[in-house]
């Protein structure tokens, strides 16, 4: 009876150890994924979006850029976009294309002067402020500069929606 109790105790401890090991094998990659933006933040790079004379004053255009936080195997998903608006001679503003409600891409309606989200009816003014609907925050802005006649936006991590 003593030998059975010892065997049972050994198998119980072995079962606990193997369960703990299996839990660690599952938990470590998940934790690494969740903490990776904190450990390795996305680089902030300047991306060319066009020549200065490509943009008319008062015009808002969608321009494709590469996401700086994408992984080498991201393929087409590394391509994202920004809305660029020329305000004056050298003055620009740029917004993320993603609605701050659930991340759907917003569309620019030039006639109305509004950004519209097709998913849940979010509406933004031309300056990115919320005009109506469920979005909790204005459209995220990008820093814009003009260097040697080239308009550039400074990339940032994709905005996290509420």
N, C-alpha and C. Protein backbone atom coordinates (compact mmCIF):
# COMPACT_ATOMS: atom_id res chain seq x y z
N UNK A 1 0.82 -1.19 0.00
CA UNK A 1 0.00 0.00 0.00
C UNK A 1 0.86 1.25 0.00
N UNK A 2 1.96 1.17 0.62
CA UNK A 2 2.88 2.30 0.66
C UNK A 2 3.44 2.59 -0.73
N UNK A 3 3.72 1.52 -1.49
CA UNK A 3 4.24 1.69 -2.85
C UNK A 3 3.20 2.33 -3.77
N UNK A 4 1.91 1.97 -3.61
CA UNK A 4 0.83 2.54 -4.41
C UNK A 4 0.67 4.03 -4.11
N UNK A 5 0.75 4.39 -2.85
CA UNK A 5 0.62 5.80 -2.47
C UNK A 5 1.77 6.60 -3.05
N UNK A 6 2.98 6.05 -3.05
CA UNK A 6 4.14 6.74 -3.61
C UNK A 6 3.99 6.91 -5.12
N UNK A 7 3.53 5.86 -5.79
CA UNK A 7 3.33 5.93 -7.23
C UNK A 7 2.25 6.95 -7.57
N UNK A 8 1.16 6.93 -6.79
CA UNK A 8 0.05 7.87 -7.02
C UNK A 8 0.54 9.32 -6.81
N UNK A 9 1.32 9.55 -5.77
CA UNK A 9 1.85 10.88 -5.50
C UNK A 9 2.77 11.32 -6.64
N UNK A 10 3.63 10.40 -7.12
CA UNK A 10 4.54 10.73 -8.22
C UNK A 10 3.77 11.08 -9.49
N UNK A 11 2.77 10.27 -9.83
CA UNK A 11 1.98 10.53 -11.04
C UNK A 11 1.17 11.83 -10.91
N UNK A 12 0.68 12.13 -9.72
CA UNK A 12 -0.04 13.39 -9.50
C UNK A 12 0.87 14.59 -9.71
N UNK A 13 2.07 14.51 -9.16
CA UNK A 13 3.03 15.61 -9.33
C UNK A 13 3.49 15.73 -10.78
N UNK A 14 3.71 14.59 -11.44
CA UNK A 14 4.08 14.60 -12.86
C UNK A 14 2.97 15.23 -13.70
N UNK A 15 1.72 14.90 -13.37
CA UNK A 15 0.59 15.48 -14.10
C UNK A 15 0.53 17.00 -13.90
N UNK A 16 0.74 17.46 -12.67
CA UNK A 16 0.76 18.90 -12.41
C UNK A 16 1.90 19.59 -13.16
N UNK A 17 3.07 18.98 -13.17
CA UNK A 17 4.22 19.58 -13.85
C UNK A 17 3.98 19.66 -15.35
N UNK A 18 3.45 18.60 -15.94
CA UNK A 18 3.17 18.61 -17.39
C UNK A 18 2.06 19.60 -17.74
N UNK A 19 1.07 19.74 -16.87
CA UNK A 19 0.00 20.73 -17.11
C UNK A 19 0.57 22.15 -17.05
N UNK A 20 1.44 22.39 -16.08
CA UNK A 20 2.09 23.70 -15.97
C UNK A 20 2.94 24.00 -17.19
N UNK A 21 3.68 23.00 -17.66
CA UNK A 21 4.51 23.16 -18.85
C UNK A 21 3.64 23.45 -20.08
N UNK A 22 2.54 22.73 -20.23
CA UNK A 22 1.63 22.97 -21.37
C UNK A 22 1.03 24.37 -21.28
N UNK A 23 0.67 24.81 -20.09
CA UNK A 23 0.14 26.16 -19.92
C UNK A 23 1.17 27.21 -20.28
N UNK A 24 2.43 27.00 -19.90
CA UNK A 24 3.50 27.95 -20.24
C UNK A 24 3.74 27.99 -21.74
N UNK A 25 3.69 26.83 -22.39
CA UNK A 25 3.90 26.78 -23.84
C UNK A 25 2.83 27.59 -24.56
N UNK A 26 1.62 27.58 -24.06
CA UNK A 26 0.53 28.35 -24.66
C UNK A 26 0.61 29.82 -24.26
N UNK A 27 0.92 30.10 -23.00
CA UNK A 27 0.86 31.47 -22.48
C UNK A 27 2.02 32.36 -22.95
N UNK A 28 3.21 31.82 -23.09
CA UNK A 28 4.37 32.65 -23.43
C UNK A 28 4.21 33.34 -24.79
N UNK A 29 3.82 32.65 -25.87
CA UNK A 29 3.63 33.36 -27.14
C UNK A 29 2.50 34.40 -27.08
N UNK A 30 1.46 34.11 -26.36
CA UNK A 30 0.36 35.06 -26.25
C UNK A 30 0.83 36.32 -25.53
N UNK A 31 1.53 36.15 -24.42
CA UNK A 31 2.06 37.31 -23.69
C UNK A 31 3.07 38.08 -24.53
N UNK A 32 3.92 37.38 -25.26
CA UNK A 32 4.90 38.06 -26.12
C UNK A 32 4.19 38.89 -27.18
N UNK A 33 3.13 38.35 -27.76
CA UNK A 33 2.36 39.09 -28.77
C UNK A 33 1.73 40.33 -28.17
N UNK A 34 1.12 40.19 -26.99
CA UNK A 34 0.43 41.31 -26.36
C UNK A 34 1.39 42.40 -25.89
N UNK A 35 2.58 42.01 -25.46
CA UNK A 35 3.55 42.97 -24.94
C UNK A 35 4.52 43.51 -25.99
N UNK A 36 4.53 42.93 -27.18
CA UNK A 36 5.50 43.35 -28.20
C UNK A 36 5.42 44.82 -28.57
N UNK A 37 4.23 45.46 -28.65
CA UNK A 37 4.23 46.90 -28.94
C UNK A 37 4.93 47.72 -27.86
N UNK A 38 4.91 47.25 -26.63
CA UNK A 38 5.58 47.97 -25.54
C UNK A 38 7.09 47.74 -25.58
N UNK A 39 7.48 46.54 -25.94
CA UNK A 39 8.90 46.18 -25.96
C UNK A 39 9.58 46.72 -27.22
N UNK A 40 8.92 46.57 -28.36
CA UNK A 40 9.45 47.01 -29.64
C UNK A 40 8.46 47.94 -30.32
N UNK A 41 8.41 49.22 -29.92
CA UNK A 41 7.44 50.13 -30.55
C UNK A 41 7.74 50.31 -32.04
N UNK A 42 6.68 50.56 -32.80
CA UNK A 42 6.83 50.76 -34.24
C UNK A 42 7.67 52.01 -34.51
N UNK A 43 8.56 51.93 -35.47
CA UNK A 43 9.38 53.12 -35.78
C UNK A 43 8.53 54.22 -36.40
N UNK A 44 8.91 55.44 -36.13
CA UNK A 44 8.24 56.60 -36.75
C UNK A 44 9.12 57.04 -37.92
N UNK A 45 8.65 56.75 -39.12
CA UNK A 45 9.41 57.05 -40.33
C UNK A 45 8.69 58.10 -41.16
N UNK A 46 9.46 58.86 -41.93
CA UNK A 46 8.86 59.82 -42.86
C UNK A 46 8.61 59.13 -44.18
N UNK A 47 7.38 59.17 -44.67
CA UNK A 47 7.00 58.55 -45.94
C UNK A 47 6.59 59.65 -46.94
N UNK A 48 7.12 59.56 -48.15
CA UNK A 48 6.73 60.49 -49.21
C UNK A 48 5.29 60.18 -49.64
N UNK A 49 4.48 61.22 -49.78
CA UNK A 49 3.10 61.03 -50.24
C UNK A 49 2.83 61.74 -51.56
N UNK A 50 3.79 62.51 -52.06
CA UNK A 50 3.63 63.17 -53.35
C UNK A 50 4.40 64.47 -53.42
N UNK A 51 4.45 65.02 -54.62
CA UNK A 51 5.11 66.32 -54.81
C UNK A 51 4.16 67.43 -54.36
N UNK A 52 4.71 68.54 -53.97
CA UNK A 52 3.93 69.68 -53.50
C UNK A 52 2.88 70.09 -54.52
N UNK A 53 3.27 70.13 -55.80
CA UNK A 53 2.33 70.57 -56.83
C UNK A 53 1.30 69.49 -57.22
N UNK A 54 1.38 68.29 -56.61
CA UNK A 54 0.36 67.26 -56.83
C UNK A 54 -0.92 67.56 -56.06
N UNK A 55 -0.83 68.45 -55.06
CA UNK A 55 -1.96 68.74 -54.19
C UNK A 55 -2.46 70.15 -54.44
N UNK A 56 -3.75 70.30 -54.68
CA UNK A 56 -4.36 71.62 -54.84
C UNK A 56 -4.80 72.12 -53.47
N UNK A 57 -4.71 73.41 -53.25
CA UNK A 57 -5.16 73.98 -51.98
C UNK A 57 -6.64 73.70 -51.80
N UNK A 58 -7.00 73.19 -50.62
CA UNK A 58 -8.39 72.85 -50.31
C UNK A 58 -8.78 71.44 -50.69
N UNK A 59 -7.90 70.71 -51.35
CA UNK A 59 -8.21 69.35 -51.81
C UNK A 59 -7.80 68.33 -50.75
N UNK A 60 -8.64 67.29 -50.59
CA UNK A 60 -8.33 66.17 -49.71
C UNK A 60 -8.19 64.93 -50.56
N UNK A 61 -7.04 64.25 -50.42
CA UNK A 61 -6.77 63.05 -51.22
C UNK A 61 -6.34 61.90 -50.35
N UNK A 62 -6.72 60.70 -50.76
CA UNK A 62 -6.25 59.49 -50.09
C UNK A 62 -4.92 59.09 -50.73
N UNK A 63 -3.92 58.83 -49.88
CA UNK A 63 -2.59 58.48 -50.37
C UNK A 63 -2.13 57.20 -49.68
N UNK A 64 -1.64 56.24 -50.45
CA UNK A 64 -1.17 54.97 -49.89
C UNK A 64 0.23 55.14 -49.30
N UNK A 65 0.43 54.52 -48.13
CA UNK A 65 1.75 54.48 -47.49
C UNK A 65 1.96 53.08 -46.92
N UNK A 66 3.21 52.76 -46.60
CA UNK A 66 3.51 51.48 -45.97
C UNK A 66 3.53 51.64 -44.46
N UNK A 67 2.86 50.75 -43.78
CA UNK A 67 2.79 50.73 -42.32
C UNK A 67 4.16 50.38 -41.75
N UNK A 68 4.72 51.20 -40.86
CA UNK A 68 6.05 50.92 -40.34
C UNK A 68 6.08 49.75 -39.37
N UNK A 69 4.93 49.35 -38.84
CA UNK A 69 4.92 48.27 -37.85
C UNK A 69 4.61 46.91 -38.45
N UNK A 70 4.53 46.83 -39.76
CA UNK A 70 4.18 45.55 -40.37
C UNK A 70 5.34 44.57 -40.26
N UNK A 71 5.01 43.31 -40.37
CA UNK A 71 6.00 42.25 -40.29
C UNK A 71 6.49 41.92 -41.70
N UNK A 72 7.68 41.31 -41.83
CA UNK A 72 8.22 41.05 -43.16
C UNK A 72 7.29 40.23 -44.06
N UNK A 73 6.47 39.39 -43.49
CA UNK A 73 5.59 38.55 -44.31
C UNK A 73 4.18 39.14 -44.44
N UNK A 74 3.99 40.41 -44.09
CA UNK A 74 2.66 41.03 -44.10
C UNK A 74 2.08 41.18 -45.50
N UNK A 75 2.93 41.30 -46.52
CA UNK A 75 2.43 41.41 -47.89
C UNK A 75 1.57 42.64 -48.08
N UNK A 76 0.40 42.45 -48.72
CA UNK A 76 -0.47 43.58 -49.02
C UNK A 76 -1.01 44.28 -47.78
N UNK A 77 -1.07 43.57 -46.67
CA UNK A 77 -1.61 44.19 -45.46
C UNK A 77 -0.68 45.28 -44.92
N UNK A 78 0.55 45.34 -45.38
CA UNK A 78 1.48 46.39 -44.95
C UNK A 78 1.13 47.72 -45.62
N UNK A 79 0.33 47.68 -46.65
CA UNK A 79 -0.06 48.90 -47.36
C UNK A 79 -1.30 49.48 -46.68
N UNK A 80 -1.18 50.72 -46.23
CA UNK A 80 -2.31 51.41 -45.61
C UNK A 80 -2.45 52.76 -46.32
N UNK A 81 -3.22 53.65 -45.77
CA UNK A 81 -3.43 54.94 -46.43
C UNK A 81 -3.63 56.04 -45.40
N UNK A 82 -3.51 57.27 -45.85
CA UNK A 82 -3.82 58.45 -45.05
C UNK A 82 -4.60 59.42 -45.93
N UNK A 83 -5.40 60.24 -45.29
CA UNK A 83 -6.08 61.33 -45.99
C UNK A 83 -5.22 62.57 -45.83
N UNK A 84 -4.78 63.16 -46.94
CA UNK A 84 -3.93 64.35 -46.92
C UNK A 84 -4.72 65.52 -47.49
N UNK A 85 -4.73 66.63 -46.74
CA UNK A 85 -5.45 67.84 -47.16
C UNK A 85 -4.48 69.01 -47.18
N UNK A 86 -4.46 69.71 -48.30
CA UNK A 86 -3.61 70.90 -48.42
C UNK A 86 -4.41 72.10 -47.96
N UNK A 87 -3.91 72.78 -46.93
CA UNK A 87 -4.61 73.92 -46.35
C UNK A 87 -4.14 75.25 -46.90
N UNK A 88 -2.86 75.31 -47.30
CA UNK A 88 -2.29 76.56 -47.78
C UNK A 88 -1.05 76.26 -48.61
N UNK A 89 -0.23 77.27 -48.82
CA UNK A 89 0.95 77.12 -49.68
C UNK A 89 1.85 75.96 -49.22
N UNK A 90 2.22 75.95 -47.96
CA UNK A 90 3.03 74.86 -47.41
C UNK A 90 2.36 74.20 -46.22
N UNK A 91 1.08 74.40 -46.02
CA UNK A 91 0.36 73.87 -44.87
C UNK A 91 -0.48 72.67 -45.27
N UNK A 92 -0.27 71.57 -44.56
CA UNK A 92 -0.99 70.33 -44.82
C UNK A 92 -1.48 69.75 -43.50
N UNK A 93 -2.48 68.90 -43.60
CA UNK A 93 -2.91 68.08 -42.48
C UNK A 93 -3.17 66.69 -43.04
N UNK A 94 -2.96 65.69 -42.21
CA UNK A 94 -3.18 64.30 -42.64
C UNK A 94 -3.88 63.54 -41.53
N UNK A 95 -4.81 62.69 -41.93
CA UNK A 95 -5.60 61.90 -40.98
C UNK A 95 -5.48 60.42 -41.31
N UNK A 96 -5.64 59.58 -40.28
CA UNK A 96 -5.73 58.14 -40.49
C UNK A 96 -7.04 57.84 -41.23
N UNK A 97 -7.05 56.78 -42.00
CA UNK A 97 -8.27 56.42 -42.73
C UNK A 97 -9.24 55.62 -41.86
N UNK A 98 -8.83 55.26 -40.66
CA UNK A 98 -9.65 54.39 -39.83
C UNK A 98 -10.53 55.15 -38.85
N UNK A 99 -11.80 54.80 -38.84
CA UNK A 99 -12.76 55.38 -37.91
C UNK A 99 -12.35 55.00 -36.49
N UNK A 100 -12.54 55.93 -35.55
CA UNK A 100 -12.16 55.65 -34.16
C UNK A 100 -13.20 54.83 -33.42
N UNK A 101 -14.28 54.46 -34.08
CA UNK A 101 -15.28 53.62 -33.44
C UNK A 101 -14.85 52.16 -33.49
N UNK A 102 -14.76 51.58 -34.68
CA UNK A 102 -14.36 50.18 -34.81
C UNK A 102 -13.30 49.96 -35.88
N UNK A 103 -12.72 51.03 -36.40
CA UNK A 103 -11.60 50.90 -37.33
C UNK A 103 -11.95 50.75 -38.79
N UNK A 104 -13.19 50.91 -39.16
CA UNK A 104 -13.56 50.82 -40.58
C UNK A 104 -12.93 52.00 -41.34
N UNK A 105 -12.62 51.83 -42.61
CA UNK A 105 -12.05 52.94 -43.38
C UNK A 105 -13.11 53.99 -43.70
N UNK A 106 -12.77 55.25 -43.42
CA UNK A 106 -13.71 56.35 -43.71
C UNK A 106 -13.51 56.82 -45.14
N UNK A 107 -14.56 57.39 -45.71
CA UNK A 107 -14.54 57.92 -47.08
C UNK A 107 -14.70 59.43 -47.03
N UNK A 108 -14.00 60.13 -47.91
CA UNK A 108 -14.12 61.58 -48.01
C UNK A 108 -15.22 61.91 -48.99
N UNK A 109 -16.17 62.74 -48.58
CA UNK A 109 -17.25 63.21 -49.45
C UNK A 109 -16.99 64.69 -49.71
N UNK A 110 -16.36 64.99 -50.84
CA UNK A 110 -15.93 66.36 -51.15
C UNK A 110 -17.11 67.33 -51.19
N UNK A 111 -18.23 66.92 -51.76
CA UNK A 111 -19.39 67.81 -51.87
C UNK A 111 -19.91 68.25 -50.51
N UNK A 112 -19.88 67.36 -49.55
CA UNK A 112 -20.38 67.67 -48.22
C UNK A 112 -19.28 68.19 -47.30
N UNK A 113 -18.02 67.95 -47.69
CA UNK A 113 -16.90 68.36 -46.84
C UNK A 113 -16.82 67.54 -45.56
N UNK A 114 -17.17 66.24 -45.67
CA UNK A 114 -17.22 65.36 -44.50
C UNK A 114 -16.53 64.03 -44.78
N UNK A 115 -16.01 63.41 -43.73
CA UNK A 115 -15.56 62.03 -43.78
C UNK A 115 -16.72 61.19 -43.25
N UNK A 116 -17.07 60.12 -43.98
CA UNK A 116 -18.16 59.25 -43.56
C UNK A 116 -17.67 57.84 -43.36
N UNK A 117 -18.11 57.21 -42.29
CA UNK A 117 -17.79 55.81 -42.03
C UNK A 117 -18.98 54.97 -42.47
N UNK A 118 -18.77 54.05 -43.42
CA UNK A 118 -19.89 53.26 -43.94
C UNK A 118 -20.39 52.17 -42.99
N UNK A 119 -19.62 51.83 -41.97
CA UNK A 119 -20.00 50.71 -41.11
C UNK A 119 -21.13 51.04 -40.14
N UNK A 120 -20.99 52.14 -39.40
CA UNK A 120 -22.00 52.46 -38.39
C UNK A 120 -22.44 53.92 -38.43
N UNK A 121 -22.17 54.60 -39.54
CA UNK A 121 -22.67 55.95 -39.72
C UNK A 121 -21.90 57.04 -39.02
N UNK A 122 -20.64 56.80 -38.70
CA UNK A 122 -19.82 57.85 -38.11
C UNK A 122 -19.55 58.96 -39.11
N UNK A 123 -19.57 60.21 -38.63
CA UNK A 123 -19.35 61.37 -39.50
C UNK A 123 -18.30 62.27 -38.84
N UNK A 124 -17.35 62.74 -39.66
CA UNK A 124 -16.30 63.64 -39.18
C UNK A 124 -16.27 64.89 -40.07
N UNK A 125 -15.99 66.04 -39.45
CA UNK A 125 -15.78 67.27 -40.22
C UNK A 125 -14.46 67.17 -40.98
N UNK A 126 -14.22 68.12 -41.87
CA UNK A 126 -12.99 68.15 -42.67
C UNK A 126 -11.73 68.27 -41.81
N UNK A 127 -11.87 68.83 -40.60
CA UNK A 127 -10.71 68.95 -39.71
C UNK A 127 -10.53 67.74 -38.80
N UNK A 128 -11.33 66.68 -39.02
CA UNK A 128 -11.19 65.43 -38.27
C UNK A 128 -12.04 65.34 -37.02
N UNK A 129 -12.69 66.43 -36.60
CA UNK A 129 -13.55 66.39 -35.41
C UNK A 129 -14.80 65.54 -35.69
N UNK A 130 -15.31 64.93 -34.63
CA UNK A 130 -16.53 64.12 -34.76
C UNK A 130 -17.72 65.03 -34.99
N UNK A 131 -18.48 64.73 -36.05
CA UNK A 131 -19.69 65.49 -36.36
C UNK A 131 -20.94 64.75 -35.89
N UNK A 132 -20.88 63.42 -35.85
CA UNK A 132 -22.03 62.65 -35.42
C UNK A 132 -21.76 61.16 -35.47
N UNK A 133 -22.69 60.41 -34.89
CA UNK A 133 -22.57 58.96 -34.89
C UNK A 133 -21.80 58.45 -33.69
N UNK A 134 -21.37 57.20 -33.76
CA UNK A 134 -20.75 56.57 -32.60
C UNK A 134 -19.25 56.84 -32.36
N UNK A 135 -18.48 57.46 -33.25
CA UNK A 135 -17.05 57.61 -32.97
C UNK A 135 -16.80 58.39 -31.66
N UNK A 136 -15.95 57.83 -30.78
CA UNK A 136 -15.69 58.49 -29.50
C UNK A 136 -14.64 59.59 -29.57
N UNK A 137 -13.80 59.57 -30.60
CA UNK A 137 -12.68 60.53 -30.70
C UNK A 137 -12.55 61.03 -32.13
N UNK A 138 -11.85 62.15 -32.33
CA UNK A 138 -11.58 62.62 -33.69
C UNK A 138 -10.67 61.65 -34.44
N UNK A 139 -10.59 61.84 -35.75
CA UNK A 139 -9.66 61.03 -36.54
C UNK A 139 -8.23 61.29 -36.09
N UNK A 140 -7.41 60.25 -35.95
CA UNK A 140 -6.01 60.46 -35.58
C UNK A 140 -5.27 61.25 -36.66
N UNK A 141 -4.41 62.17 -36.24
CA UNK A 141 -3.64 63.00 -37.16
C UNK A 141 -2.21 62.48 -37.30
N UNK A 142 -1.66 62.73 -38.47
CA UNK A 142 -0.25 62.46 -38.74
C UNK A 142 0.49 63.79 -38.83
N UNK A 143 1.76 63.80 -38.46
CA UNK A 143 2.60 64.97 -38.64
C UNK A 143 2.99 65.06 -40.11
N UNK A 144 2.90 66.26 -40.70
CA UNK A 144 3.20 66.45 -42.13
C UNK A 144 4.29 67.51 -42.26
N UNK A 145 5.18 67.30 -43.22
CA UNK A 145 6.20 68.30 -43.54
C UNK A 145 6.42 68.31 -45.04
N UNK A 146 7.05 69.40 -45.51
CA UNK A 146 7.44 69.51 -46.92
C UNK A 146 8.96 69.63 -46.95
N UNK A 147 9.62 68.71 -47.65
CA UNK A 147 11.07 68.69 -47.77
C UNK A 147 11.44 68.68 -49.25
N UNK A 148 12.11 69.73 -49.71
CA UNK A 148 12.56 69.81 -51.10
C UNK A 148 11.42 69.58 -52.10
N UNK A 149 10.26 70.15 -51.80
CA UNK A 149 9.13 70.04 -52.71
C UNK A 149 8.36 68.73 -52.62
N UNK A 150 8.71 67.87 -51.66
CA UNK A 150 8.04 66.58 -51.46
C UNK A 150 7.25 66.64 -50.16
N UNK A 151 5.99 66.26 -50.22
CA UNK A 151 5.15 66.21 -49.03
C UNK A 151 5.38 64.85 -48.36
N UNK A 152 5.62 64.89 -47.04
CA UNK A 152 5.89 63.67 -46.29
C UNK A 152 5.02 63.62 -45.04
N UNK A 153 4.61 62.41 -44.65
CA UNK A 153 3.91 62.21 -43.38
C UNK A 153 4.78 61.33 -42.50
N UNK A 154 4.73 61.60 -41.21
CA UNK A 154 5.47 60.78 -40.26
C UNK A 154 4.56 59.65 -39.81
N UNK A 155 5.00 58.43 -40.06
CA UNK A 155 4.18 57.27 -39.72
C UNK A 155 4.09 57.12 -38.22
N UNK A 156 3.08 56.39 -37.81
CA UNK A 156 2.87 56.09 -36.40
C UNK A 156 2.18 54.74 -36.34
N UNK A 157 2.20 54.11 -35.18
CA UNK A 157 1.47 52.84 -35.07
C UNK A 157 0.00 53.04 -35.41
N UNK A 158 -0.60 52.03 -36.00
CA UNK A 158 -2.01 52.14 -36.34
C UNK A 158 -2.81 52.43 -35.08
N UNK A 159 -3.75 53.35 -35.15
CA UNK A 159 -4.50 53.72 -33.96
C UNK A 159 -5.35 52.56 -33.45
N UNK A 160 -5.41 52.46 -32.14
CA UNK A 160 -6.26 51.44 -31.53
C UNK A 160 -7.62 52.07 -31.32
N UNK A 161 -8.66 51.38 -31.75
CA UNK A 161 -10.00 51.93 -31.65
C UNK A 161 -10.59 51.61 -30.29
N UNK A 162 -11.57 52.38 -29.89
CA UNK A 162 -12.21 52.19 -28.58
C UNK A 162 -13.18 51.06 -28.63
